[in-house]
């Protein structure tokens, strides 16, 4: 399916295709991760998209005001990446 972001007062914006989207809000800015094809995709608060690795079921949590951790699974193993906001 399609993944959309939404900001109050603005129309929805398509940001990608996939499933299992995770969102985290830090300093009123959103970051997203989801499974697309066989990989986990991350979009930072500037809209920059990055493939983090193979896998599914991503979860994002802020570590501080500058970075977050994205954790996902691939073939029964847990993977993670520290990502800039």
PDB file of N, CA and C in Angstrom:
ATOM      1  N   UNK A   1       0.813  -1.186   0.000  1.00  0.00           N
ATOM      2  CA  UNK A   1       0.000   0.000   0.000  1.00  0.00           C
ATOM      3  C   UNK A   1       0.856   1.248   0.000  1.00  0.00           C
ATOM      4  N   UNK A   2       0.221   2.351  -0.132  1.00  0.00           N
ATOM      5  CA  UNK A   2       0.907   3.643  -0.136  1.00  0.00           C
ATOM      6  C   UNK A   2       1.042   4.170   1.290  1.00  0.00           C
ATOM      7  N   UNK A   3       2.144   4.863   1.574  1.00  0.00           N
ATOM      8  CA  UNK A   3       2.404   5.477   2.875  1.00  0.00           C
ATOM      9  C   UNK A   3       2.255   6.984   2.707  1.00  0.00           C
ATOM     10  N   UNK A   4       1.477   7.597   3.597  1.00  0.00           N
ATOM     11  CA  UNK A   4       1.233   9.037   3.548  1.00  0.00           C
ATOM     12  C   UNK A   4       1.668   9.686   4.851  1.00  0.00           C
ATOM     13  N   UNK A   5       2.094  10.954   4.759  1.00  0.00           N
ATOM     14  CA  UNK A   5       2.311  11.769   5.952  1.00  0.00           C
ATOM     15  C   UNK A   5       1.249  12.855   5.957  1.00  0.00           C
ATOM     16  N   UNK A   6       0.954  13.354   7.142  1.00  0.00           N
ATOM     17  CA  UNK A   6      -0.078  14.374   7.261  1.00  0.00           C
ATOM     18  C   UNK A   6       0.347  15.416   8.278  1.00  0.00           C
ATOM     19  N   UNK A   7       0.171  16.678   7.932  1.00  0.00           N
ATOM     20  CA  UNK A   7       0.424  17.803   8.818  1.00  0.00           C
ATOM     21  C   UNK A   7      -0.874  18.581   8.940  1.00  0.00           C
ATOM     22  N   UNK A   8      -1.290  18.924  10.169  1.00  0.00           N
ATOM     23  CA  UNK A   8      -2.543  19.670  10.319  1.00  0.00           C
ATOM     24  C   UNK A   8      -2.574  20.916   9.434  1.00  0.00           C
ATOM     25  N   UNK A   9      -3.682  21.081   8.724  1.00  0.00           N
ATOM     26  CA  UNK A   9      -3.860  22.240   7.860  1.00  0.00           C
ATOM     27  C   UNK A   9      -3.311  22.079   6.457  1.00  0.00           C
ATOM     28  N   UNK A  10      -2.603  20.980   6.192  1.00  0.00           N
ATOM     29  CA  UNK A  10      -2.022  20.730   4.871  1.00  0.00           C
ATOM     30  C   UNK A  10      -2.578  19.422   4.316  1.00  0.00           C
ATOM     31  N   UNK A  11      -2.587  19.259   2.986  1.00  0.00           N
ATOM     32  CA  UNK A  11      -3.061  17.990   2.417  1.00  0.00           C
ATOM     33  C   UNK A  11      -2.081  16.852   2.717  1.00  0.00           C
ATOM     34  N   UNK A  12      -2.596  15.618   2.715  1.00  0.00           N
ATOM     35  CA  UNK A  12      -1.728  14.454   2.881  1.00  0.00           C
ATOM     36  C   UNK A  12      -0.702  14.405   1.758  1.00  0.00           C
ATOM     37  N   UNK A  13       0.478  13.848   2.079  1.00  0.00           N
ATOM     38  CA  UNK A  13       1.557  13.753   1.095  1.00  0.00           C
ATOM     39  C   UNK A  13       2.032  12.300   1.043  1.00  0.00           C
ATOM     40  N   UNK A  14       2.071  11.731  -0.157  1.00  0.00           N
ATOM     41  CA  UNK A  14       2.582  10.371  -0.305  1.00  0.00           C
ATOM     42  C   UNK A  14       4.093  10.385  -0.130  1.00  0.00           C
ATOM     43  N   UNK A  15       4.604   9.504   0.760  1.00  0.00           N
ATOM     44  CA  UNK A  15       6.047   9.458   0.999  1.00  0.00           C
ATOM     45  C   UNK A  15       6.681   8.145   0.557  1.00  0.00           C
ATOM     46  N   UNK A  16       5.858   7.147   0.210  1.00  0.00           N
ATOM     47  CA  UNK A  16       6.422   5.888  -0.248  1.00  0.00           C
ATOM     48  C   UNK A  16       5.377   4.806  -0.380  1.00  0.00           C
ATOM     49  N   UNK A  17       5.861   3.591  -0.660  1.00  0.00           N
ATOM     50  CA  UNK A  17       4.994   2.421  -0.737  1.00  0.00           C
ATOM     51  C   UNK A  17       5.561   1.342   0.159  1.00  0.00           C
ATOM     52  N   UNK A  18       4.669   0.610   0.813  1.00  0.00           N
ATOM     53  CA  UNK A  18       5.101  -0.470   1.683  1.00  0.00           C
ATOM     54  C   UNK A  18       4.068  -0.769   2.731  1.00  0.00           C
ATOM     55  N   UNK A  19       4.553  -1.255   3.896  1.00  0.00           N
ATOM     56  CA  UNK A  19       3.640  -1.566   4.992  1.00  0.00           C
ATOM     57  C   UNK A  19       4.387  -1.499   6.314  1.00  0.00           C
ATOM     58  N   UNK A  20       3.620  -1.507   7.400  1.00  0.00           N
ATOM     59  CA  UNK A  20       4.215  -1.526   8.734  1.00  0.00           C
ATOM     60  C   UNK A  20       4.935  -0.250   9.083  1.00  0.00           C
ATOM     61  N   UNK A  21       4.336   0.900   8.804  1.00  0.00           N
ATOM     62  CA  UNK A  21       4.994   2.190   9.040  1.00  0.00           C
ATOM     63  C   UNK A  21       5.084   2.501  10.535  1.00  0.00           C
ATOM     64  N   UNK A  22       6.226   3.019  10.947  1.00  0.00           N
ATOM     65  CA  UNK A  22       6.462   3.506  12.303  1.00  0.00           C
ATOM     66  C   UNK A  22       6.780   4.989  12.206  1.00  0.00           C
ATOM     67  N   UNK A  23       6.274   5.774  13.162  1.00  0.00           N
ATOM     68  CA  UNK A  23       6.503   7.220  13.156  1.00  0.00           C
ATOM     69  C   UNK A  23       6.961   7.656  14.540  1.00  0.00           C
ATOM     70  N   UNK A  24       7.851   8.630  14.579  1.00  0.00           N
ATOM     71  CA  UNK A  24       8.298   9.240  15.828  1.00  0.00           C
ATOM     72  C   UNK A  24       8.341  10.743  15.600  1.00  0.00           C
ATOM     73  N   UNK A  25       7.884  11.500  16.586  1.00  0.00           N
ATOM     74  CA  UNK A  25       7.880  12.958  16.505  1.00  0.00           C
ATOM     75  C   UNK A  25       8.872  13.507  17.515  1.00  0.00           C
ATOM     76  N   UNK A  26       9.823  14.313  17.035  1.00  0.00           N
ATOM     77  CA  UNK A  26      10.840  14.926  17.873  1.00  0.00           C
ATOM     78  C   UNK A  26      10.898  16.400  17.518  1.00  0.00           C
ATOM     79  N   UNK A  27      10.776  17.264  18.510  1.00  0.00           N
ATOM     80  CA  UNK A  27      10.792  18.716  18.266  1.00  0.00           C
ATOM     81  C   UNK A  27       9.789  19.113  17.189  1.00  0.00           C
ATOM     82  N   UNK A  28       8.596  18.526  17.258  1.00  0.00           N
ATOM     83  CA  UNK A  28       7.507  18.820  16.327  1.00  0.00           C
ATOM     84  C   UNK A  28       7.817  18.436  14.882  1.00  0.00           C
ATOM     85  N   UNK A  29       8.800  17.557  14.679  1.00  0.00           N
ATOM     86  CA  UNK A  29       9.138  17.062  13.347  1.00  0.00           C
ATOM     87  C   UNK A  29       9.005  15.549  13.340  1.00  0.00           C
ATOM     88  N   UNK A  30       8.473  15.011  12.241  1.00  0.00           N
ATOM     89  CA  UNK A  30       8.234  13.574  12.138  1.00  0.00           C
ATOM     90  C   UNK A  30       9.328  12.870  11.350  1.00  0.00           C
ATOM     91  N   UNK A  31       9.654  11.649  11.795  1.00  0.00           N
ATOM     92  CA  UNK A  31      10.509  10.736  11.042  1.00  0.00           C
ATOM     93  C   UNK A  31       9.726   9.436  10.874  1.00  0.00           C
ATOM     94  N   UNK A  32       9.990   8.717   9.790  1.00  0.00           N
ATOM     95  CA  UNK A  32       9.202   7.538   9.437  1.00  0.00           C
ATOM     96  C   UNK A  32      10.117   6.388   9.048  1.00  0.00           C
ATOM     97  N   UNK A  33       9.648   5.165   9.304  1.00  0.00           N
ATOM     98  CA  UNK A  33      10.314   3.958   8.797  1.00  0.00           C
ATOM     99  C   UNK A  33       9.229   2.958   8.434  1.00  0.00           C
ATOM    100  N   UNK A  34       9.461   2.182   7.378  1.00  0.00           N
ATOM    101  CA  UNK A  34       8.501   1.161   6.972  1.00  0.00           C
ATOM    102  C   UNK A  34       9.213   0.104   6.141  1.00  0.00           C
ATOM    103  N   UNK A  35       8.509  -1.010   5.936  1.00  0.00           N
ATOM    104  CA  UNK A  35       9.025  -2.089   5.095  1.00  0.00           C
ATOM    105  C   UNK A  35       8.580  -1.842   3.663  1.00  0.00           C
ATOM    106  N   UNK A  36       9.549  -1.806   2.751  1.00  0.00           N
ATOM    107  CA  UNK A  36       9.282  -1.580   1.326  1.00  0.00           C
ATOM    108  C   UNK A  36      10.036  -2.642   0.544  1.00  0.00           C
ATOM    109  N   UNK A  37       9.308  -3.455  -0.225  1.00  0.00           N
ATOM    110  CA  UNK A  37       9.890  -4.622  -0.897  1.00  0.00           C
ATOM    111  C   UNK A  37      10.525  -5.511   0.172  1.00  0.00           C
ATOM    112  N   UNK A  38      11.810  -5.769   0.127  1.00  0.00           N
ATOM    113  CA  UNK A  38      12.459  -6.605   1.147  1.00  0.00           C
ATOM    114  C   UNK A  38      13.284  -5.790   2.133  1.00  0.00           C
ATOM    115  N   UNK A  39      13.181  -4.452   2.095  1.00  0.00           N
ATOM    116  CA  UNK A  39      14.031  -3.624   2.928  1.00  0.00           C
ATOM    117  C   UNK A  39      13.269  -2.695   3.847  1.00  0.00           C
ATOM    118  N   UNK A  40      14.007  -2.124   4.801  1.00  0.00           N
ATOM    119  CA  UNK A  40      13.463  -1.129   5.722  1.00  0.00           C
ATOM    120  C   UNK A  40      13.939   0.241   5.262  1.00  0.00           C
ATOM    121  N   UNK A  41      12.984   1.142   5.060  1.00  0.00           N
ATOM    122  CA  UNK A  41      13.250   2.490   4.571  1.00  0.00           C
ATOM    123  C   UNK A  41      13.029   3.474   5.712  1.00  0.00           C
ATOM    124  N   UNK A  42      13.883   4.499   5.783  1.00  0.00           N
ATOM    125  CA  UNK A  42      13.772   5.559   6.789  1.00  0.00           C
ATOM    126  C   UNK A  42      13.721   6.904   6.073  1.00  0.00           C
ATOM    127  N   UNK A  43      12.851   7.800   6.532  1.00  0.00           N
ATOM    128  CA  UNK A  43      12.828   9.182   6.036  1.00  0.00           C
ATOM    129  C   UNK A  43      13.030  10.106   7.221  1.00  0.00           C
ATOM    130  N   UNK A  44      14.063  10.974   7.124  1.00  0.00           N
ATOM    131  CA  UNK A  44      14.324  11.906   8.220  1.00  0.00           C
ATOM    132  C   UNK A  44      13.397  13.115   8.140  1.00  0.00           C
ATOM    133  N   UNK A  45      13.550  14.033   9.070  1.00  0.00           N
ATOM    134  CA  UNK A  45      12.657  15.192   9.157  1.00  0.00           C
ATOM    135  C   UNK A  45      12.811  16.153   7.980  1.00  0.00           C
ATOM    136  N   UNK A  46      13.893  16.000   7.202  1.00  0.00           N
ATOM    137  CA  UNK A  46      14.102  16.838   6.011  1.00  0.00           C
ATOM    138  C   UNK A  46      13.534  16.183   4.754  1.00  0.00           C
ATOM    139  N   UNK A  47      12.977  14.977   4.898  1.00  0.00           N
ATOM    140  CA  UNK A  47      12.409  14.272   3.755  1.00  0.00           C
ATOM    141  C   UNK A  47      13.408  13.427   2.993  1.00  0.00           C
ATOM    142  N   UNK A  48      14.614  13.231   3.555  1.00  0.00           N
ATOM    143  CA  UNK A  48      15.650  12.435   2.892  1.00  0.00           C
ATOM    144  C   UNK A  48      15.415  10.949   3.183  1.00  0.00           C
ATOM    145  N   UNK A  49      15.322  10.156   2.119  1.00  0.00           N
ATOM    146  CA  UNK A  49      14.986   8.733   2.220  1.00  0.00           C
ATOM    147  C   UNK A  49      16.253   7.891   2.169  1.00  0.00           C
ATOM    148  N   UNK A  50      16.313   6.852   3.036  1.00  0.00           N
ATOM    149  CA  UNK A  50      17.495   5.992   3.088  1.00  0.00           C
ATOM    150  C   UNK A  50      17.059   4.547   3.335  1.00  0.00           C
ATOM    151  N   UNK A  51      17.649   3.614   2.600  1.00  0.00           N
ATOM    152  CA  UNK A  51      17.432   2.191   2.837  1.00  0.00           C
ATOM    153  C   UNK A  51      18.369   1.757   3.961  1.00  0.00           C
ATOM    154  N   UNK A  52      17.806   1.220   5.054  1.00  0.00           N
ATOM    155  CA  UNK A  52      18.623   0.834   6.209  1.00  0.00           C
ATOM    156  C   UNK A  52      19.128  -0.598   6.127  1.00  0.00           C
ATOM    157  N   UNK A  53      18.398  -1.467   5.453  1.00  0.00           N
ATOM    158  CA  UNK A  53      18.811  -2.860   5.343  1.00  0.00           C
ATOM    159  C   UNK A  53      17.622  -3.748   5.044  1.00  0.00           C
ATOM    160  N   UNK A  54      17.879  -5.034   4.890  1.00  0.00           N
ATOM    161  CA  UNK A  54      16.800  -5.993   4.634  1.00  0.00           C
ATOM    162  C   UNK A  54      16.020  -6.226   5.918  1.00  0.00           C
ATOM    163  N   UNK A  55      14.694  -6.429   5.770  1.00  0.00           N
ATOM    164  CA  UNK A  55      13.905  -6.767   6.933  1.00  0.00           C
ATOM    165  C   UNK A  55      12.498  -6.208   6.908  1.00  0.00           C
ATOM    166  N   UNK A  56      11.810  -6.375   8.051  1.00  0.00           N
ATOM    167  CA  UNK A  56      10.426  -5.935   8.216  1.00  0.00           C
ATOM    168  C   UNK A  56      10.213  -5.448   9.646  1.00  0.00           C
ATOM    169  N   UNK A  57       9.021  -4.927   9.909  1.00  0.00           N
ATOM    170  CA  UNK A  57       8.559  -4.515  11.233  1.00  0.00           C
ATOM    171  C   UNK A  57       9.458  -3.486  11.923  1.00  0.00           C
ATOM    172  N   UNK A  58       9.772  -2.361  11.283  1.00  0.00           N
ATOM    173  CA  UNK A  58      10.622  -1.356  11.920  1.00  0.00           C
ATOM    174  C   UNK A  58       9.896  -0.598  13.030  1.00  0.00           C
ATOM    175  N   UNK A  59      10.670  -0.197  14.037  1.00  0.00           N
ATOM    176  CA  UNK A  59      10.191   0.648  15.131  1.00  0.00           C
ATOM    177  C   UNK A  59      11.233   1.742  15.332  1.00  0.00           C
ATOM    178  N   UNK A  60      10.778   3.003  15.464  1.00  0.00           N
ATOM    179  CA  UNK A  60      11.688   4.137  15.677  1.00  0.00           C
ATOM    180  C   UNK A  60      11.453   4.703  17.067  1.00  0.00           C
ATOM    181  N   UNK A  61      12.549   5.023  17.777  1.00  0.00           N
ATOM    182  CA  UNK A  61      12.472   5.704  19.066  1.00  0.00           C
ATOM    183  C   UNK A  61      13.576   6.752  19.123  1.00  0.00           C
ATOM    184  N   UNK A  62      13.216   7.952  19.573  1.00  0.00           N
ATOM    185  CA  UNK A  62      14.199   9.026  19.711  1.00  0.00           C
ATOM    186  C   UNK A  62      15.163   8.689  20.844  1.00  0.00           C
ATOM    187  N   UNK A  63      16.447   8.955  20.624  1.00  0.00           N
ATOM    188  CA  UNK A  63      17.449   8.812  21.675  1.00  0.00           C
ATOM    189  C   UNK A  63      17.739  10.157  22.318  1.00  0.00           C
ATOM    190  N   UNK A  64      17.670  11.211  21.509  1.00  0.00           N
ATOM    191  CA  UNK A  64      17.811  12.589  21.989  1.00  0.00           C
ATOM    192  C   UNK A  64      17.222  13.497  20.917  1.00  0.00           C
ATOM    193  N   UNK A  65      17.543  14.777  20.935  1.00  0.00           N
ATOM    194  CA  UNK A  65      16.977  15.712  19.955  1.00  0.00           C
ATOM    195  C   UNK A  65      17.659  15.662  18.592  1.00  0.00           C
ATOM    196  N   UNK A  66      18.690  14.819  18.449  1.00  0.00           N
ATOM    197  CA  UNK A  66      19.446  14.781  17.194  1.00  0.00           C
ATOM    198  C   UNK A  66      19.408  13.434  16.481  1.00  0.00           C
ATOM    199  N   UNK A  67      19.247  12.345  17.230  1.00  0.00           N
ATOM    200  CA  UNK A  67      19.265  11.015  16.622  1.00  0.00           C
ATOM    201  C   UNK A  67      18.158  10.129  17.194  1.00  0.00           C
ATOM    202  N   UNK A  68      17.815   9.121  16.409  1.00  0.00           N
ATOM    203  CA  UNK A  68      16.855   8.100  16.835  1.00  0.00           C
ATOM    204  C   UNK A  68      17.465   6.742  16.533  1.00  0.00           C
ATOM    205  N   UNK A  69      16.871   5.705  17.103  1.00  0.00           N
ATOM    206  CA  UNK A  69      17.267   4.344  16.772  1.00  0.00           C
ATOM    207  C   UNK A  69      16.100   3.690  16.044  1.00  0.00           C
ATOM    208  N   UNK A  70      16.429   3.002  14.977  1.00  0.00           N
ATOM    209  CA  UNK A  70      15.439   2.222  14.241  1.00  0.00           C
ATOM    210  C   UNK A  70      15.816   0.756  14.416  1.00  0.00           C
ATOM    211  N   UNK A  71      14.859  -0.039  14.884  1.00  0.00           N
ATOM    212  CA  UNK A  71      15.076  -1.460  15.136  1.00  0.00           C
ATOM    213  C   UNK A  71      14.104  -2.246  14.263  1.00  0.00           C
ATOM    214  N   UNK A  72      14.577  -3.334  13.639  1.00  0.00           N
ATOM    215  CA  UNK A  72      13.719  -4.162  12.797  1.00  0.00           C
ATOM    216  C   UNK A  72      14.206  -5.604  12.856  1.00  0.00           C
ATOM    217  N   UNK A  73      13.432  -6.499  12.257  1.00  0.00           N
ATOM    218  CA  UNK A  73      13.826  -7.912  12.237  1.00  0.00           C
ATOM    219  C   UNK A  73      14.032  -8.369  10.803  1.00  0.00           C
ATOM    220  N   UNK A  74      14.935  -9.315  10.654  1.00  0.00           N
ATOM    221  CA  UNK A  74      15.167  -9.963   9.361  1.00  0.00           C
ATOM    222  C   UNK A  74      15.558 -11.410   9.634  1.00  0.00           C
ATOM    223  N   UNK A  75      14.746 -12.335   9.141  1.00  0.00           N
ATOM    224  CA  UNK A  75      15.004 -13.766   9.289  1.00  0.00           C
ATOM    225  C   UNK A  75      15.335 -14.144  10.735  1.00  0.00           C
ATOM    226  N   UNK A  76      14.472 -13.723  11.653  1.00  0.00           N
ATOM    227  CA  UNK A  76      14.549 -14.050  13.085  1.00  0.00           C
ATOM    228  C   UNK A  76      15.753 -13.440  13.784  1.00  0.00           C
ATOM    229  N   UNK A  77      16.362 -12.413  13.198  1.00  0.00           N
ATOM    230  CA  UNK A  77      17.452 -11.677  13.836  1.00  0.00           C
ATOM    231  C   UNK A  77      17.045 -10.222  13.967  1.00  0.00           C
ATOM    232  N   UNK A  78      17.476  -9.573  15.053  1.00  0.00           N
ATOM    233  CA  UNK A  78      17.177  -8.167  15.301  1.00  0.00           C
ATOM    234  C   UNK A  78      18.323  -7.315  14.756  1.00  0.00           C
ATOM    235  N   UNK A  79      17.973  -6.255  14.030  1.00  0.00           N
ATOM    236  CA  UNK A  79      18.955  -5.320  13.476  1.00  0.00           C
ATOM    237  C   UNK A  79      18.605  -3.918  13.950  1.00  0.00           C
ATOM    238  N   UNK A  80      19.580  -3.025  13.935  1.00  0.00           N
ATOM    239  CA  UNK A  80      19.310  -1.644  14.347  1.00  0.00           C
ATOM    240  C   UNK A  80      20.241  -0.686  13.622  1.00  0.00           C
ATOM    241  N   UNK A  81      19.818   0.578  13.605  1.00  0.00           N
ATOM    242  CA  UNK A  81      20.638   1.646  13.029  1.00  0.00           C
ATOM    243  C   UNK A  81      20.347   2.924  13.793  1.00  0.00           C
ATOM    244  N   UNK A  82      21.396   3.695  14.053  1.00  0.00           N
ATOM    245  CA  UNK A  82      21.237   5.033  14.619  1.00  0.00           C
ATOM    246  C   UNK A  82      21.076   5.970  13.430  1.00  0.00           C
ATOM    247  N   UNK A  83      19.992   6.746  13.438  1.00  0.00           N
ATOM    248  CA  UNK A  83      19.670   7.592  12.289  1.00  0.00           C
ATOM    249  C   UNK A  83      19.541   9.051  12.725  1.00  0.00           C
ATOM    250  N   UNK A  84      20.075   9.979  11.918  1.00  0.00           N
ATOM    251  CA  UNK A  84      19.946  11.402  12.252  1.00  0.00           C
ATOM    252  C   UNK A  84      18.534  11.890  11.975  1.00  0.00           C
ATOM    253  N   UNK A  85      18.096  12.824  12.794  1.00  0.00           N
ATOM    254  CA  UNK A  85      16.755  13.351  12.608  1.00  0.00           C
ATOM    255  C   UNK A  85      16.770  14.424  11.561  1.00  0.00           C
TER     256      UNK A  85
END
